[in-house]
Amino acid sequence: MNTGRVQQDIAAAQRKFDYVEAHRTIAGQPYALVALQTATRTYTLEITFTGYPNQAPEVVVRKPTLAPSKHRYPDNRICYIHPSRWNPGLHDVEFVIARSAKWLHKYEVYRSTGRWPGAGIEH
């Protein structure tokens, strides 16, 4: 993990989004807390950076608890981008937050209609 890039990218995201906080784990690893609001509720997300920037950050919705849905991994991470499509030269924390917001809107459509809008790639 490139912690310098993580810090730089979180700082850039803080300038673009209203609620982005930088934190460190007890072990000193960086992570971000993000609040995103849809038409119906506010979500708190945790973004971790295990292999960043070469691997996509992992995003988990902390609150509220999500109902079972498509496009989530067994450990509750959301699938905001297929891992094969992550590009460390193009994608950054701002991209992750924007894609996570899009995922949340699709999640709400899914919860109300039972159908996930848009295409999906099996993985």
N, C-alpha and C. Protein backbone atom coordinates (compact mmCIF):
# COMPACT_ATOMS: atom_id res chain seq x y z
N MET A 1 0.85 -1.18 0.00
CA MET A 1 0.00 0.00 0.00
C MET A 1 0.89 1.24 0.00
N ASN A 2 0.49 2.19 -0.79
CA ASN A 2 1.20 3.46 -0.89
C ASN A 2 0.49 4.47 0.02
N THR A 3 0.95 4.60 1.26
CA THR A 3 0.24 5.46 2.22
C THR A 3 0.28 6.93 1.81
N GLY A 4 1.35 7.35 1.15
CA GLY A 4 1.40 8.73 0.67
C GLY A 4 0.30 9.01 -0.32
N ARG A 5 0.08 8.08 -1.24
CA ARG A 5 -1.00 8.25 -2.22
C ARG A 5 -2.35 8.20 -1.54
N VAL A 6 -2.51 7.30 -0.56
CA VAL A 6 -3.78 7.23 0.18
C VAL A 6 -4.08 8.59 0.81
N GLN A 7 -3.12 9.16 1.51
CA GLN A 7 -3.32 10.45 2.17
C GLN A 7 -3.64 11.55 1.17
N GLN A 8 -2.91 11.57 0.09
CA GLN A 8 -3.13 12.58 -0.96
C GLN A 8 -4.53 12.44 -1.55
N ASP A 9 -4.93 11.21 -1.84
CA ASP A 9 -6.24 10.99 -2.46
C ASP A 9 -7.39 11.26 -1.51
N ILE A 10 -7.22 10.94 -0.22
CA ILE A 10 -8.26 11.27 0.76
C ILE A 10 -8.40 12.78 0.87
N ALA A 11 -7.27 13.50 0.91
CA ALA A 11 -7.32 14.97 1.00
C ALA A 11 -8.04 15.55 -0.21
N ALA A 12 -7.81 15.01 -1.41
CA ALA A 12 -8.51 15.48 -2.61
C ALA A 12 -10.00 15.20 -2.50
N ALA A 13 -10.36 14.03 -1.98
CA ALA A 13 -11.78 13.69 -1.82
C ALA A 13 -12.45 14.60 -0.80
N GLN A 14 -11.71 15.00 0.24
CA GLN A 14 -12.28 15.91 1.24
C GLN A 14 -12.62 17.27 0.65
N ARG A 15 -11.90 17.67 -0.37
CA ARG A 15 -12.19 18.94 -1.02
C ARG A 15 -13.42 18.84 -1.93
N LYS A 16 -13.75 17.64 -2.37
CA LYS A 16 -14.87 17.46 -3.29
C LYS A 16 -16.17 17.04 -2.59
N PHE A 17 -16.05 16.22 -1.56
CA PHE A 17 -17.23 15.70 -0.85
C PHE A 17 -17.31 16.30 0.54
N ASP A 18 -18.52 16.47 1.05
CA ASP A 18 -18.72 17.13 2.33
C ASP A 18 -18.26 16.32 3.54
N TYR A 19 -18.46 15.02 3.53
CA TYR A 19 -18.23 14.24 4.74
C TYR A 19 -17.26 13.09 4.47
N VAL A 20 -15.98 13.40 4.49
CA VAL A 20 -14.92 12.41 4.33
C VAL A 20 -13.94 12.64 5.47
N GLU A 21 -13.72 11.62 6.27
CA GLU A 21 -12.79 11.71 7.39
C GLU A 21 -11.66 10.72 7.21
N ALA A 22 -10.44 11.14 7.45
CA ALA A 22 -9.27 10.26 7.42
C ALA A 22 -9.01 9.75 8.83
N HIS A 23 -8.75 8.45 8.94
CA HIS A 23 -8.48 7.81 10.24
C HIS A 23 -7.33 6.83 10.08
N ARG A 24 -6.87 6.33 11.21
CA ARG A 24 -5.87 5.26 11.24
C ARG A 24 -6.34 4.16 12.19
N THR A 25 -6.06 2.93 11.82
CA THR A 25 -6.36 1.80 12.70
C THR A 25 -5.36 1.80 13.86
N ILE A 26 -5.56 0.95 14.83
CA ILE A 26 -4.63 0.81 15.94
C ILE A 26 -3.24 0.45 15.41
N ALA A 27 -3.21 -0.32 14.32
CA ALA A 27 -1.93 -0.71 13.71
C ALA A 27 -1.34 0.40 12.83
N GLY A 28 -2.05 1.52 12.71
CA GLY A 28 -1.53 2.65 11.94
C GLY A 28 -1.90 2.67 10.47
N GLN A 29 -2.76 1.76 10.04
CA GLN A 29 -3.18 1.71 8.64
C GLN A 29 -4.27 2.76 8.38
N PRO A 30 -4.17 3.48 7.28
CA PRO A 30 -5.19 4.50 6.99
C PRO A 30 -6.51 3.88 6.51
N TYR A 31 -7.58 4.55 6.86
CA TYR A 31 -8.89 4.24 6.31
C TYR A 31 -9.70 5.53 6.31
N ALA A 32 -10.80 5.52 5.59
CA ALA A 32 -11.65 6.70 5.51
C ALA A 32 -13.07 6.35 5.90
N LEU A 33 -13.73 7.27 6.56
CA LEU A 33 -15.16 7.19 6.82
C LEU A 33 -15.83 8.24 5.95
N VAL A 34 -16.91 7.83 5.30
CA VAL A 34 -17.60 8.71 4.36
C VAL A 34 -19.09 8.64 4.66
N ALA A 35 -19.75 9.78 4.66
CA ALA A 35 -21.20 9.82 4.78
C ALA A 35 -21.77 10.24 3.43
N LEU A 36 -22.72 9.46 2.94
CA LEU A 36 -23.39 9.76 1.67
C LEU A 36 -24.89 9.75 1.91
N GLN A 37 -25.57 10.69 1.31
CA GLN A 37 -27.01 10.78 1.48
C GLN A 37 -27.71 10.52 0.15
N THR A 38 -28.73 9.67 0.21
CA THR A 38 -29.60 9.44 -0.94
C THR A 38 -30.91 10.16 -0.66
N ALA A 39 -31.90 9.92 -1.49
CA ALA A 39 -33.20 10.56 -1.29
C ALA A 39 -33.89 10.07 -0.02
N THR A 40 -33.53 8.87 0.45
CA THR A 40 -34.26 8.29 1.57
C THR A 40 -33.48 8.16 2.86
N ARG A 41 -32.14 8.15 2.80
CA ARG A 41 -31.37 7.96 4.03
C ARG A 41 -29.93 8.36 3.88
N THR A 42 -29.24 8.41 5.02
CA THR A 42 -27.81 8.69 5.04
C THR A 42 -27.08 7.40 5.37
N TYR A 43 -26.00 7.14 4.64
CA TYR A 43 -25.19 5.95 4.81
C TYR A 43 -23.80 6.35 5.29
N THR A 44 -23.21 5.54 6.14
CA THR A 44 -21.82 5.70 6.55
C THR A 44 -21.03 4.55 5.97
N LEU A 45 -19.98 4.87 5.22
CA LEU A 45 -19.15 3.87 4.58
C LEU A 45 -17.75 3.91 5.15
N GLU A 46 -17.11 2.75 5.19
CA GLU A 46 -15.71 2.65 5.57
C GLU A 46 -14.93 2.18 4.36
N ILE A 47 -13.88 2.91 4.02
CA ILE A 47 -13.03 2.57 2.88
C ILE A 47 -11.67 2.18 3.42
N THR A 48 -11.21 0.97 3.07
CA THR A 48 -9.88 0.51 3.48
C THR A 48 -9.01 0.33 2.24
N PHE A 49 -7.71 0.40 2.44
CA PHE A 49 -6.77 0.54 1.33
C PHE A 49 -5.68 -0.52 1.31
N THR A 50 -6.00 -1.76 1.46
CA THR A 50 -5.02 -2.83 1.61
C THR A 50 -3.94 -2.82 0.52
N GLY A 51 -4.30 -2.84 -0.74
CA GLY A 51 -3.32 -2.90 -1.82
C GLY A 51 -3.30 -1.67 -2.69
N TYR A 52 -3.80 -0.57 -2.18
CA TYR A 52 -3.96 0.66 -2.94
C TYR A 52 -2.60 1.27 -3.30
N PRO A 53 -2.42 1.77 -4.48
CA PRO A 53 -3.39 2.01 -5.54
C PRO A 53 -3.52 0.87 -6.54
N ASN A 54 -2.72 -0.19 -6.39
CA ASN A 54 -2.77 -1.28 -7.38
C ASN A 54 -4.03 -2.13 -7.28
N GLN A 55 -4.65 -2.14 -6.12
CA GLN A 55 -5.92 -2.85 -5.93
C GLN A 55 -6.98 -1.84 -5.50
N ALA A 56 -8.19 -2.09 -5.94
CA ALA A 56 -9.31 -1.22 -5.56
C ALA A 56 -9.51 -1.24 -4.05
N PRO A 57 -9.77 -0.09 -3.45
CA PRO A 57 -10.09 -0.06 -2.02
C PRO A 57 -11.35 -0.88 -1.75
N GLU A 58 -11.44 -1.36 -0.53
CA GLU A 58 -12.62 -2.11 -0.12
C GLU A 58 -13.59 -1.16 0.57
N VAL A 59 -14.87 -1.30 0.26
CA VAL A 59 -15.90 -0.42 0.81
C VAL A 59 -16.95 -1.27 1.51
N VAL A 60 -17.23 -0.91 2.76
CA VAL A 60 -18.27 -1.56 3.55
C VAL A 60 -19.22 -0.48 4.05
N VAL A 61 -20.50 -0.75 3.97
CA VAL A 61 -21.50 0.18 4.54
C VAL A 61 -21.61 -0.17 6.03
N ARG A 62 -21.22 0.78 6.87
CA ARG A 62 -21.27 0.57 8.32
C ARG A 62 -22.68 0.75 8.87
N LYS A 63 -23.34 1.81 8.42
CA LYS A 63 -24.70 2.12 8.89
C LYS A 63 -25.48 2.69 7.74
N PRO A 64 -26.74 2.40 7.63
CA PRO A 64 -27.47 1.39 8.37
C PRO A 64 -27.08 -0.02 7.90
N THR A 65 -27.50 -1.01 8.63
CA THR A 65 -27.26 -2.38 8.21
C THR A 65 -28.02 -2.64 6.93
N LEU A 66 -27.34 -3.18 5.94
CA LEU A 66 -27.98 -3.45 4.64
C LEU A 66 -28.71 -4.78 4.66
N ALA A 67 -29.83 -4.83 3.97
CA ALA A 67 -30.53 -6.08 3.75
C ALA A 67 -29.77 -6.87 2.70
N PRO A 68 -29.96 -8.16 2.63
CA PRO A 68 -29.30 -8.95 1.58
C PRO A 68 -29.61 -8.36 0.20
N SER A 69 -28.59 -8.32 -0.64
CA SER A 69 -28.78 -7.75 -1.97
C SER A 69 -27.73 -8.31 -2.92
N LYS A 70 -27.88 -7.98 -4.16
CA LYS A 70 -26.90 -8.35 -5.17
C LYS A 70 -25.70 -7.43 -5.07
N HIS A 71 -24.65 -7.80 -5.75
CA HIS A 71 -23.45 -6.98 -5.88
C HIS A 71 -22.78 -6.67 -4.54
N ARG A 72 -22.76 -7.72 -3.68
CA ARG A 72 -22.02 -7.65 -2.41
C ARG A 72 -21.26 -8.95 -2.24
N TYR A 73 -20.12 -8.84 -1.61
CA TYR A 73 -19.29 -10.00 -1.31
C TYR A 73 -19.76 -10.63 0.00
N PRO A 74 -19.41 -11.90 0.26
CA PRO A 74 -19.84 -12.55 1.51
C PRO A 74 -19.43 -11.81 2.78
N ASP A 75 -18.33 -11.04 2.72
CA ASP A 75 -17.89 -10.30 3.92
C ASP A 75 -18.53 -8.90 3.99
N ASN A 76 -19.55 -8.66 3.19
CA ASN A 76 -20.36 -7.44 3.16
C ASN A 76 -19.75 -6.27 2.42
N ARG A 77 -18.58 -6.44 1.79
CA ARG A 77 -18.06 -5.37 0.95
C ARG A 77 -19.01 -5.19 -0.24
N ILE A 78 -19.15 -3.95 -0.67
CA ILE A 78 -19.99 -3.72 -1.85
C ILE A 78 -19.12 -3.84 -3.10
N CYS A 79 -19.72 -4.25 -4.18
CA CYS A 79 -19.01 -4.38 -5.46
C CYS A 79 -19.34 -3.14 -6.29
N TYR A 80 -18.58 -2.09 -6.06
CA TYR A 80 -18.81 -0.83 -6.77
C TYR A 80 -18.09 -0.81 -8.12
N ILE A 81 -17.14 -1.74 -8.33
CA ILE A 81 -16.45 -1.90 -9.60
C ILE A 81 -15.93 -3.33 -9.67
N HIS A 82 -16.01 -3.92 -10.85
CA HIS A 82 -15.45 -5.26 -11.01
C HIS A 82 -13.94 -5.14 -10.83
N PRO A 83 -13.33 -6.05 -10.07
CA PRO A 83 -11.89 -5.94 -9.80
C PRO A 83 -11.02 -5.85 -11.07
N SER A 84 -11.45 -6.49 -12.14
CA SER A 84 -10.66 -6.45 -13.37
C SER A 84 -10.69 -5.08 -14.05
N ARG A 85 -11.61 -4.23 -13.65
CA ARG A 85 -11.73 -2.91 -14.28
C ARG A 85 -11.02 -1.80 -13.51
N TRP A 86 -10.46 -2.13 -12.35
CA TRP A 86 -9.74 -1.13 -11.56
C TRP A 86 -8.47 -0.73 -12.30
N ASN A 87 -8.24 0.58 -12.40
CA ASN A 87 -7.06 1.11 -13.08
C ASN A 87 -6.40 2.14 -12.15
N PRO A 88 -5.25 1.80 -11.55
CA PRO A 88 -4.62 2.72 -10.60
C PRO A 88 -4.17 4.04 -11.21
N GLY A 89 -4.03 4.08 -12.53
CA GLY A 89 -3.66 5.34 -13.18
C GLY A 89 -4.85 6.26 -13.39
N LEU A 90 -6.05 5.72 -13.40
CA LEU A 90 -7.25 6.52 -13.63
C LEU A 90 -8.13 6.68 -12.39
N HIS A 91 -8.15 5.68 -11.54
CA HIS A 91 -9.09 5.66 -10.43
C HIS A 91 -8.44 6.09 -9.13
N ASP A 92 -9.22 6.79 -8.32
CA ASP A 92 -8.73 7.30 -7.04
C ASP A 92 -9.87 7.27 -6.02
N VAL A 93 -9.67 7.87 -4.86
CA VAL A 93 -10.67 7.84 -3.80
C VAL A 93 -11.94 8.58 -4.22
N GLU A 94 -11.81 9.67 -4.94
CA GLU A 94 -13.01 10.37 -5.44
C GLU A 94 -13.84 9.45 -6.31
N PHE A 95 -13.20 8.69 -7.17
CA PHE A 95 -13.89 7.73 -8.03
C PHE A 95 -14.60 6.68 -7.17
N VAL A 96 -13.91 6.18 -6.15
CA VAL A 96 -14.49 5.15 -5.27
C VAL A 96 -15.74 5.69 -4.58
N ILE A 97 -15.68 6.90 -4.08
CA ILE A 97 -16.84 7.48 -3.40
C ILE A 97 -17.99 7.69 -4.38
N ALA A 98 -17.70 8.21 -5.55
CA ALA A 98 -18.75 8.42 -6.55
C ALA A 98 -19.39 7.10 -6.96
N ARG A 99 -18.59 6.07 -7.18
CA ARG A 99 -19.14 4.77 -7.56
C ARG A 99 -19.92 4.13 -6.41
N SER A 100 -19.47 4.37 -5.19
CA SER A 100 -20.20 3.86 -4.03
C SER A 100 -21.56 4.55 -3.91
N ALA A 101 -21.61 5.85 -4.19
CA ALA A 101 -22.88 6.57 -4.18
C ALA A 101 -23.83 5.99 -5.23
N LYS A 102 -23.29 5.71 -6.40
CA LYS A 102 -24.10 5.09 -7.46
C LYS A 102 -24.62 3.73 -7.01
N TRP A 103 -23.75 2.95 -6.36
CA TRP A 103 -24.15 1.64 -5.85
C TRP A 103 -25.29 1.79 -4.85
N LEU A 104 -25.22 2.77 -3.95
CA LEU A 104 -26.27 2.97 -2.95
C LEU A 104 -27.61 3.30 -3.60
N HIS A 105 -27.59 4.12 -4.63
CA HIS A 105 -28.84 4.43 -5.34
C HIS A 105 -29.41 3.18 -6.00
N LYS A 106 -28.57 2.38 -6.59
CA LYS A 106 -29.04 1.12 -7.19
C LYS A 106 -29.57 0.18 -6.12
N TYR A 107 -28.92 0.15 -4.98
CA TYR A 107 -29.38 -0.68 -3.86
C TYR A 107 -30.79 -0.27 -3.45
N GLU A 108 -31.06 1.02 -3.37
CA GLU A 108 -32.40 1.47 -2.99
C GLU A 108 -33.44 1.10 -4.04
N VAL A 109 -33.08 1.19 -5.31
CA VAL A 109 -34.00 0.74 -6.36
C VAL A 109 -34.27 -0.75 -6.21
N TYR A 110 -33.22 -1.52 -5.98
CA TYR A 110 -33.35 -2.97 -5.80
C TYR A 110 -34.26 -3.29 -4.62
N ARG A 111 -34.09 -2.57 -3.52
CA ARG A 111 -34.91 -2.83 -2.34
C ARG A 111 -36.39 -2.52 -2.59
N SER A 112 -36.67 -1.54 -3.43
CA SER A 112 -38.06 -1.18 -3.66
C SER A 112 -38.69 -1.96 -4.81
N THR A 113 -37.89 -2.45 -5.76
CA THR A 113 -38.46 -3.13 -6.93
C THR A 113 -38.09 -4.60 -7.04
N GLY A 114 -37.03 -5.02 -6.34
CA GLY A 114 -36.57 -6.40 -6.46
C GLY A 114 -35.69 -6.62 -7.69
N ARG A 115 -35.39 -5.55 -8.43
CA ARG A 115 -34.56 -5.66 -9.63
C ARG A 115 -33.38 -4.71 -9.51
N TRP A 116 -32.17 -5.25 -9.75
CA TRP A 116 -30.97 -4.40 -9.71
C TRP A 116 -30.86 -3.69 -11.05
N PRO A 117 -30.85 -2.34 -11.06
CA PRO A 117 -30.77 -1.62 -12.32
C PRO A 117 -29.37 -1.68 -12.91
N GLY A 118 -29.31 -1.76 -14.21
CA GLY A 118 -28.01 -1.74 -14.88
C GLY A 118 -27.43 -3.12 -15.08
N ALA A 119 -26.31 -3.14 -15.76
CA ALA A 119 -25.64 -4.40 -16.09
C ALA A 119 -24.81 -4.89 -14.91
N GLY A 120 -24.42 -6.15 -14.99
CA GLY A 120 -23.54 -6.72 -13.99
C GLY A 120 -22.62 -7.73 -14.64
N ILE A 121 -21.46 -7.92 -14.05
CA ILE A 121 -20.48 -8.89 -14.55
C ILE A 121 -20.33 -9.97 -13.48
N GLU A 122 -20.45 -11.22 -13.87
CA GLU A 122 -20.28 -12.30 -12.91
C GLU A 122 -18.84 -12.36 -12.43
N HIS A 123 -18.66 -12.64 -11.15
CA HIS A 123 -17.34 -12.85 -10.57
C HIS A 123 -17.44 -13.55 -9.23
